[in-house]
């Protein structure tokens, strides 16, 4: 099966994360917290980095680290 690894989001993850976010939003769940407030993917990655470091956080937010899982170098997919 392969080794499981956790990692932060990267520039190449935009399409997969936006797709997952849209699917889950249709179910009433916000998968990528704060994504809607960022017009550019680079801005979202910056937000996640600031949240991880606890710097310039939005009101009411706490430090957090958002990681995705990969098995054998591949992240999970919604379509199997």
PDB file of N, CA and C in Angstrom:
ATOM      1  N   UNK A   1       0.822  -1.191   0.000  1.00  0.00           N
ATOM      2  CA  UNK A   1       0.000   0.000   0.000  1.00  0.00           C
ATOM      3  C   UNK A   1       0.865   1.253   0.000  1.00  0.00           C
ATOM      4  N   UNK A   2       1.871   1.348   0.827  1.00  0.00           N
ATOM      5  CA  UNK A   2       2.748   2.502   0.837  1.00  0.00           C
ATOM      6  C   UNK A   2       2.762   3.202   2.167  1.00  0.00           C
ATOM      7  N   UNK A   3       3.734   4.068   2.316  1.00  0.00           N
ATOM      8  CA  UNK A   3       3.925   4.806   3.557  1.00  0.00           C
ATOM      9  C   UNK A   3       3.033   6.043   3.601  1.00  0.00           C
ATOM     10  N   UNK A   4       2.405   6.271   4.756  1.00  0.00           N
ATOM     11  CA  UNK A   4       1.560   7.441   4.963  1.00  0.00           C
ATOM     12  C   UNK A   4       2.427   8.603   5.410  1.00  0.00           C
ATOM     13  N   UNK A   5       2.244   9.753   4.783  1.00  0.00           N
ATOM     14  CA  UNK A   5       2.967  10.963   5.158  1.00  0.00           C
ATOM     15  C   UNK A   5       1.979  12.121   5.254  1.00  0.00           C
ATOM     16  N   UNK A   6       2.162  12.982   6.242  1.00  0.00           N
ATOM     17  CA  UNK A   6       1.370  14.199   6.387  1.00  0.00           C
ATOM     18  C   UNK A   6       2.229  15.371   5.980  1.00  0.00           C
ATOM     19  N   UNK A   7       1.607  16.325   5.264  1.00  0.00           N
ATOM     20  CA  UNK A   7       2.365  17.496   4.811  1.00  0.00           C
ATOM     21  C   UNK A   7       1.441  18.693   4.666  1.00  0.00           C
ATOM     22  N   UNK A   8       2.022  19.898   4.701  1.00  0.00           N
ATOM     23  CA  UNK A   8       1.211  21.095   4.448  1.00  0.00           C
ATOM     24  C   UNK A   8       0.826  21.174   2.965  1.00  0.00           C
ATOM     25  N   UNK A   9      -0.161  21.997   2.673  1.00  0.00           N
ATOM     26  CA  UNK A   9      -0.562  22.210   1.282  1.00  0.00           C
ATOM     27  C   UNK A   9       0.552  22.881   0.499  1.00  0.00           C
ATOM     28  N   UNK A  10       0.535  22.614  -0.805  1.00  0.00           N
ATOM     29  CA  UNK A  10       1.512  23.199  -1.734  1.00  0.00           C
ATOM     30  C   UNK A  10       0.762  23.887  -2.877  1.00  0.00           C
ATOM     31  N   UNK A  11       1.516  24.605  -3.684  1.00  0.00           N
ATOM     32  CA  UNK A  11       0.922  25.294  -4.834  1.00  0.00           C
ATOM     33  C   UNK A  11       0.191  24.314  -5.745  1.00  0.00           C
ATOM     34  N   UNK A  12       0.722  23.119  -5.934  1.00  0.00           N
ATOM     35  CA  UNK A  12       0.140  22.140  -6.850  1.00  0.00           C
ATOM     36  C   UNK A  12      -1.162  21.523  -6.333  1.00  0.00           C
ATOM     37  N   UNK A  13      -1.531  21.785  -5.089  1.00  0.00           N
ATOM     38  CA  UNK A  13      -2.731  21.193  -4.495  1.00  0.00           C
ATOM     39  C   UNK A  13      -4.001  21.990  -4.745  1.00  0.00           C
ATOM     40  N   UNK A  14      -3.909  23.127  -5.388  1.00  0.00           N
ATOM     41  CA  UNK A  14      -5.057  24.023  -5.504  1.00  0.00           C
ATOM     42  C   UNK A  14      -6.294  23.346  -6.095  1.00  0.00           C
ATOM     43  N   UNK A  15      -6.169  22.695  -7.218  1.00  0.00           N
ATOM     44  CA  UNK A  15      -7.331  22.097  -7.881  1.00  0.00           C
ATOM     45  C   UNK A  15      -7.998  21.055  -6.994  1.00  0.00           C
ATOM     46  N   UNK A  16      -7.215  20.179  -6.387  1.00  0.00           N
ATOM     47  CA  UNK A  16      -7.774  19.121  -5.547  1.00  0.00           C
ATOM     48  C   UNK A  16      -8.453  19.691  -4.304  1.00  0.00           C
ATOM     49  N   UNK A  17      -7.851  20.691  -3.692  1.00  0.00           N
ATOM     50  CA  UNK A  17      -8.429  21.272  -2.478  1.00  0.00           C
ATOM     51  C   UNK A  17      -9.701  22.037  -2.808  1.00  0.00           C
ATOM     52  N   UNK A  18      -9.685  22.807  -3.873  1.00  0.00           N
ATOM     53  CA  UNK A  18     -10.904  23.538  -4.247  1.00  0.00           C
ATOM     54  C   UNK A  18     -12.039  22.565  -4.579  1.00  0.00           C
ATOM     55  N   UNK A  19     -11.729  21.454  -5.231  1.00  0.00           N
ATOM     56  CA  UNK A  19     -12.758  20.461  -5.560  1.00  0.00           C
ATOM     57  C   UNK A  19     -13.309  19.822  -4.291  1.00  0.00           C
ATOM     58  N   UNK A  20     -12.429  19.438  -3.376  1.00  0.00           N
ATOM     59  CA  UNK A  20     -12.871  18.835  -2.112  1.00  0.00           C
ATOM     60  C   UNK A  20     -13.699  19.824  -1.313  1.00  0.00           C
ATOM     61  N   UNK A  21     -13.265  21.067  -1.304  1.00  0.00           N
ATOM     62  CA  UNK A  21     -13.984  22.111  -0.576  1.00  0.00           C
ATOM     63  C   UNK A  21     -15.402  22.274  -1.138  1.00  0.00           C
ATOM     64  N   UNK A  22     -15.529  22.285  -2.458  1.00  0.00           N
ATOM     65  CA  UNK A  22     -16.846  22.452  -3.088  1.00  0.00           C
ATOM     66  C   UNK A  22     -17.768  21.279  -2.769  1.00  0.00           C
ATOM     67  N   UNK A  23     -17.254  20.063  -2.820  1.00  0.00           N
ATOM     68  CA  UNK A  23     -18.060  18.879  -2.519  1.00  0.00           C
ATOM     69  C   UNK A  23     -18.542  18.923  -1.080  1.00  0.00           C
ATOM     70  N   UNK A  24     -17.644  19.227  -0.170  1.00  0.00           N
ATOM     71  CA  UNK A  24     -18.016  19.237   1.241  1.00  0.00           C
ATOM     72  C   UNK A  24     -18.904  20.428   1.597  1.00  0.00           C
ATOM     73  N   UNK A  25     -18.713  21.565   0.931  1.00  0.00           N
ATOM     74  CA  UNK A  25     -19.566  22.733   1.172  1.00  0.00           C
ATOM     75  C   UNK A  25     -21.016  22.418   0.801  1.00  0.00           C
ATOM     76  N   UNK A  26     -21.202  21.606  -0.219  1.00  0.00           N
ATOM     77  CA  UNK A  26     -22.558  21.206  -0.615  1.00  0.00           C
ATOM     78  C   UNK A  26     -23.246  20.396   0.484  1.00  0.00           C
ATOM     79  N   UNK A  27     -22.446  19.809   1.364  1.00  0.00           N
ATOM     80  CA  UNK A  27     -22.965  19.037   2.502  1.00  0.00           C
ATOM     81  C   UNK A  27     -23.008  19.878   3.777  1.00  0.00           C
ATOM     82  N   UNK A  28     -22.672  21.176   3.666  1.00  0.00           N
ATOM     83  CA  UNK A  28     -22.700  22.064   4.820  1.00  0.00           C
ATOM     84  C   UNK A  28     -21.447  22.038   5.669  1.00  0.00           C
ATOM     85  N   UNK A  29     -20.335  21.541   5.129  1.00  0.00           N
ATOM     86  CA  UNK A  29     -19.074  21.454   5.872  1.00  0.00           C
ATOM     87  C   UNK A  29     -18.011  22.285   5.174  1.00  0.00           C
ATOM     88  N   UNK A  30     -17.353  23.168   5.920  1.00  0.00           N
ATOM     89  CA  UNK A  30     -16.285  23.981   5.339  1.00  0.00           C
ATOM     90  C   UNK A  30     -14.964  23.248   5.513  1.00  0.00           C
ATOM     91  N   UNK A  31     -14.499  22.603   4.464  1.00  0.00           N
ATOM     92  CA  UNK A  31     -13.277  21.798   4.479  1.00  0.00           C
ATOM     93  C   UNK A  31     -12.031  22.663   4.618  1.00  0.00           C
ATOM     94  N   UNK A  32     -11.874  23.634   3.761  1.00  0.00           N
ATOM     95  CA  UNK A  32     -10.684  24.491   3.743  1.00  0.00           C
ATOM     96  C   UNK A  32     -11.036  25.817   4.422  1.00  0.00           C
ATOM     97  N   UNK A  33     -10.932  25.829   5.743  1.00  0.00           N
ATOM     98  CA  UNK A  33     -11.308  27.022   6.510  1.00  0.00           C
ATOM     99  C   UNK A  33     -10.563  28.254   6.011  1.00  0.00           C
ATOM    100  N   UNK A  34     -11.313  29.315   5.743  1.00  0.00           N
ATOM    101  CA  UNK A  34     -10.717  30.570   5.307  1.00  0.00           C
ATOM    102  C   UNK A  34     -10.482  30.685   3.823  1.00  0.00           C
ATOM    103  N   UNK A  35     -10.706  29.625   3.065  1.00  0.00           N
ATOM    104  CA  UNK A  35     -10.444  29.662   1.623  1.00  0.00           C
ATOM    105  C   UNK A  35     -11.284  30.723   0.925  1.00  0.00           C
ATOM    106  N   UNK A  36     -12.531  30.865   1.320  1.00  0.00           N
ATOM    107  CA  UNK A  36     -13.414  31.833   0.675  1.00  0.00           C
ATOM    108  C   UNK A  36     -12.985  33.277   0.849  1.00  0.00           C
ATOM    109  N   UNK A  37     -12.201  33.560   1.876  1.00  0.00           N
ATOM    110  CA  UNK A  37     -11.732  34.921   2.132  1.00  0.00           C
ATOM    111  C   UNK A  37     -10.481  35.266   1.329  1.00  0.00           C
ATOM    112  N   UNK A  38      -9.922  34.296   0.616  1.00  0.00           N
ATOM    113  CA  UNK A  38      -8.679  34.505  -0.139  1.00  0.00           C
ATOM    114  C   UNK A  38      -8.973  34.438  -1.631  1.00  0.00           C
ATOM    115  N   UNK A  39      -8.648  35.499  -2.344  1.00  0.00           N
ATOM    116  CA  UNK A  39      -8.916  35.513  -3.782  1.00  0.00           C
ATOM    117  C   UNK A  39      -7.873  34.720  -4.566  1.00  0.00           C
ATOM    118  N   UNK A  40      -6.684  34.581  -4.035  1.00  0.00           N
ATOM    119  CA  UNK A  40      -5.608  33.861  -4.716  1.00  0.00           C
ATOM    120  C   UNK A  40      -5.142  32.687  -3.866  1.00  0.00           C
ATOM    121  N   UNK A  41      -4.734  31.589  -4.520  1.00  0.00           N
ATOM    122  CA  UNK A  41      -4.252  30.412  -3.815  1.00  0.00           C
ATOM    123  C   UNK A  41      -3.026  30.744  -2.965  1.00  0.00           C
ATOM    124  N   UNK A  42      -2.139  31.569  -3.473  1.00  0.00           N
ATOM    125  CA  UNK A  42      -0.945  31.965  -2.704  1.00  0.00           C
ATOM    126  C   UNK A  42      -1.347  32.663  -1.412  1.00  0.00           C
ATOM    127  N   UNK A  43      -2.424  33.446  -1.461  1.00  0.00           N
ATOM    128  CA  UNK A  43      -2.914  34.113  -0.249  1.00  0.00           C
ATOM    129  C   UNK A  43      -3.423  33.088   0.757  1.00  0.00           C
ATOM    130  N   UNK A  44      -4.075  32.037   0.265  1.00  0.00           N
ATOM    131  CA  UNK A  44      -4.568  30.991   1.163  1.00  0.00           C
ATOM    132  C   UNK A  44      -3.405  30.240   1.809  1.00  0.00           C
ATOM    133  N   UNK A  45      -2.390  29.911   1.024  1.00  0.00           N
ATOM    134  CA  UNK A  45      -1.210  29.245   1.583  1.00  0.00           C
ATOM    135  C   UNK A  45      -0.540  30.135   2.631  1.00  0.00           C
ATOM    136  N   UNK A  46      -0.522  31.439   2.384  1.00  0.00           N
ATOM    137  CA  UNK A  46       0.034  32.379   3.363  1.00  0.00           C
ATOM    138  C   UNK A  46      -0.811  32.394   4.638  1.00  0.00           C
ATOM    139  N   UNK A  47      -2.141  32.393   4.483  1.00  0.00           N
ATOM    140  CA  UNK A  47      -3.028  32.337   5.650  1.00  0.00           C
ATOM    141  C   UNK A  47      -2.743  31.084   6.476  1.00  0.00           C
ATOM    142  N   UNK A  48      -2.628  29.940   5.820  1.00  0.00           N
ATOM    143  CA  UNK A  48      -2.351  28.697   6.539  1.00  0.00           C
ATOM    144  C   UNK A  48      -1.013  28.759   7.271  1.00  0.00           C
ATOM    145  N   UNK A  49      -0.028  29.377   6.657  1.00  0.00           N
ATOM    146  CA  UNK A  49       1.280  29.516   7.305  1.00  0.00           C
ATOM    147  C   UNK A  49       1.175  30.419   8.531  1.00  0.00           C
ATOM    148  N   UNK A  50       0.437  31.523   8.410  1.00  0.00           N
ATOM    149  CA  UNK A  50       0.262  32.419   9.558  1.00  0.00           C
ATOM    150  C   UNK A  50      -0.512  31.733  10.680  1.00  0.00           C
ATOM    151  N   UNK A  51      -1.533  30.947  10.332  1.00  0.00           N
ATOM    152  CA  UNK A  51      -2.283  30.208  11.354  1.00  0.00           C
ATOM    153  C   UNK A  51      -1.377  29.212  12.074  1.00  0.00           C
ATOM    154  N   UNK A  52      -0.525  28.546  11.313  1.00  0.00           N
ATOM    155  CA  UNK A  52       0.394  27.577  11.913  1.00  0.00           C
ATOM    156  C   UNK A  52       1.335  28.258  12.907  1.00  0.00           C
ATOM    157  N   UNK A  53       1.790  29.460  12.548  1.00  0.00           N
ATOM    158  CA  UNK A  53       2.717  30.200  13.415  1.00  0.00           C
ATOM    159  C   UNK A  53       2.008  31.034  14.469  1.00  0.00           C
ATOM    160  N   UNK A  54       0.679  31.183  14.375  1.00  0.00           N
ATOM    161  CA  UNK A  54      -0.068  31.999  15.328  1.00  0.00           C
ATOM    162  C   UNK A  54       0.172  33.484  15.146  1.00  0.00           C
ATOM    163  N   UNK A  55       0.381  33.905  13.899  1.00  0.00           N
ATOM    164  CA  UNK A  55       0.709  35.295  13.577  1.00  0.00           C
ATOM    165  C   UNK A  55      -0.432  35.928  12.774  1.00  0.00           C
ATOM    166  N   UNK A  56      -0.825  37.162  13.150  1.00  0.00           N
ATOM    167  CA  UNK A  56      -1.849  37.914  12.407  1.00  0.00           C
ATOM    168  C   UNK A  56      -3.094  37.058  12.159  1.00  0.00           C
ATOM    169  N   UNK A  57      -3.618  36.496  13.205  1.00  0.00           N
ATOM    170  CA  UNK A  57      -4.751  35.589  13.082  1.00  0.00           C
ATOM    171  C   UNK A  57      -6.071  36.345  13.025  1.00  0.00           C
ATOM    172  N   UNK A  58      -7.035  35.829  12.255  1.00  0.00           N
ATOM    173  CA  UNK A  58      -8.361  36.443  12.255  1.00  0.00           C
ATOM    174  C   UNK A  58      -8.967  36.387  13.663  1.00  0.00           C
ATOM    175  N   UNK A  59      -9.807  37.347  13.981  1.00  0.00           N
ATOM    176  CA  UNK A  59     -10.457  37.369  15.290  1.00  0.00           C
ATOM    177  C   UNK A  59     -11.192  36.061  15.551  1.00  0.00           C
ATOM    178  N   UNK A  60     -11.015  35.535  16.743  1.00  0.00           N
ATOM    179  CA  UNK A  60     -11.699  34.321  17.144  1.00  0.00           C
ATOM    180  C   UNK A  60     -11.040  33.029  16.690  1.00  0.00           C
ATOM    181  N   UNK A  61      -9.942  33.107  15.968  1.00  0.00           N
ATOM    182  CA  UNK A  61      -9.246  31.912  15.503  1.00  0.00           C
ATOM    183  C   UNK A  61      -8.120  31.563  16.471  1.00  0.00           C
ATOM    184  N   UNK A  62      -7.715  30.314  16.483  1.00  0.00           N
ATOM    185  CA  UNK A  62      -6.593  29.855  17.300  1.00  0.00           C
ATOM    186  C   UNK A  62      -5.538  29.256  16.374  1.00  0.00           C
ATOM    187  N   UNK A  63      -4.290  29.190  16.819  1.00  0.00           N
ATOM    188  CA  UNK A  63      -3.268  28.569  15.975  1.00  0.00           C
ATOM    189  C   UNK A  63      -3.679  27.156  15.567  1.00  0.00           C
ATOM    190  N   UNK A  64      -3.391  26.810  14.327  1.00  0.00           N
ATOM    191  CA  UNK A  64      -3.760  25.500  13.799  1.00  0.00           C
ATOM    192  C   UNK A  64      -2.834  25.134  12.652  1.00  0.00           C
ATOM    193  N   UNK A  65      -2.690  23.848  12.435  1.00  0.00           N
ATOM    194  CA  UNK A  65      -1.903  23.355  11.311  1.00  0.00           C
ATOM    195  C   UNK A  65      -2.794  22.472  10.451  1.00  0.00           C
ATOM    196  N   UNK A  66      -2.919  22.809   9.176  1.00  0.00           N
ATOM    197  CA  UNK A  66      -3.731  22.047   8.227  1.00  0.00           C
ATOM    198  C   UNK A  66      -2.777  21.183   7.411  1.00  0.00           C
ATOM    199  N   UNK A  67      -2.935  19.880   7.513  1.00  0.00           N
ATOM    200  CA  UNK A  67      -2.078  18.941   6.785  1.00  0.00           C
ATOM    201  C   UNK A  67      -2.933  18.040   5.908  1.00  0.00           C
ATOM    202  N   UNK A  68      -2.359  17.582   4.817  1.00  0.00           N
ATOM    203  CA  UNK A  68      -3.006  16.594   3.971  1.00  0.00           C
ATOM    204  C   UNK A  68      -2.196  15.305   4.055  1.00  0.00           C
ATOM    205  N   UNK A  69      -2.864  14.205   3.788  1.00  0.00           N
ATOM    206  CA  UNK A  69      -2.210  12.901   3.843  1.00  0.00           C
ATOM    207  C   UNK A  69      -1.872  12.422   2.439  1.00  0.00           C
ATOM    208  N   UNK A  70      -0.730  11.780   2.327  1.00  0.00           N
ATOM    209  CA  UNK A  70      -0.312  11.134   1.091  1.00  0.00           C
ATOM    210  C   UNK A  70       0.084   9.698   1.427  1.00  0.00           C
ATOM    211  N   UNK A  71      -0.240   8.797   0.532  1.00  0.00           N
ATOM    212  CA  UNK A  71       0.231   7.426   0.637  1.00  0.00           C
ATOM    213  C   UNK A  71       1.054   7.158  -0.607  1.00  0.00           C
ATOM    214  N   UNK A  72       2.295   6.795  -0.391  1.00  0.00           N
ATOM    215  CA  UNK A  72       3.221   6.535  -1.503  1.00  0.00           C
ATOM    216  C   UNK A  72       3.296   7.731  -2.456  1.00  0.00           C
ATOM    217  N   UNK A  73       3.292   8.952  -1.895  1.00  0.00           N
ATOM    218  CA  UNK A  73       3.439  10.153  -2.696  1.00  0.00           C
ATOM    219  C   UNK A  73       2.184  10.647  -3.377  1.00  0.00           C
ATOM    220  N   UNK A  74       1.030  10.014  -3.101  1.00  0.00           N
ATOM    221  CA  UNK A  74      -0.226  10.440  -3.723  1.00  0.00           C
ATOM    222  C   UNK A  74      -1.210  10.841  -2.641  1.00  0.00           C
ATOM    223  N   UNK A  75      -1.880  12.003  -2.841  1.00  0.00           N
ATOM    224  CA  UNK A  75      -2.892  12.419  -1.896  1.00  0.00           C
ATOM    225  C   UNK A  75      -4.210  11.748  -2.255  1.00  0.00           C
ATOM    226  N   UNK A  76      -5.118  11.718  -1.267  1.00  0.00           N
ATOM    227  CA  UNK A  76      -6.422  11.120  -1.487  1.00  0.00           C
ATOM    228  C   UNK A  76      -7.201  11.861  -2.552  1.00  0.00           C
ATOM    229  N   UNK A  77      -8.107  11.156  -3.214  1.00  0.00           N
ATOM    230  CA  UNK A  77      -8.936  11.763  -4.257  1.00  0.00           C
ATOM    231  C   UNK A  77     -10.394  11.500  -3.942  1.00  0.00           C
ATOM    232  N   UNK A  78     -11.228  12.448  -4.299  1.00  0.00           N
ATOM    233  CA  UNK A  78     -12.655  12.297  -4.070  1.00  0.00           C
ATOM    234  C   UNK A  78     -13.294  11.319  -5.038  1.00  0.00           C
ATOM    235  N   UNK A  79     -12.707  11.130  -6.193  1.00  0.00           N
ATOM    236  CA  UNK A  79     -13.334  10.290  -7.211  1.00  0.00           C
ATOM    237  C   UNK A  79     -12.763   8.876  -7.235  1.00  0.00           C
ATOM    238  N   UNK A  80     -12.074   8.496  -6.171  1.00  0.00           N
ATOM    239  CA  UNK A  80     -11.545   7.136  -6.086  1.00  0.00           C
ATOM    240  C   UNK A  80     -10.218   7.072  -6.690  1.00  0.00           C
TER     241      UNK A  80
END
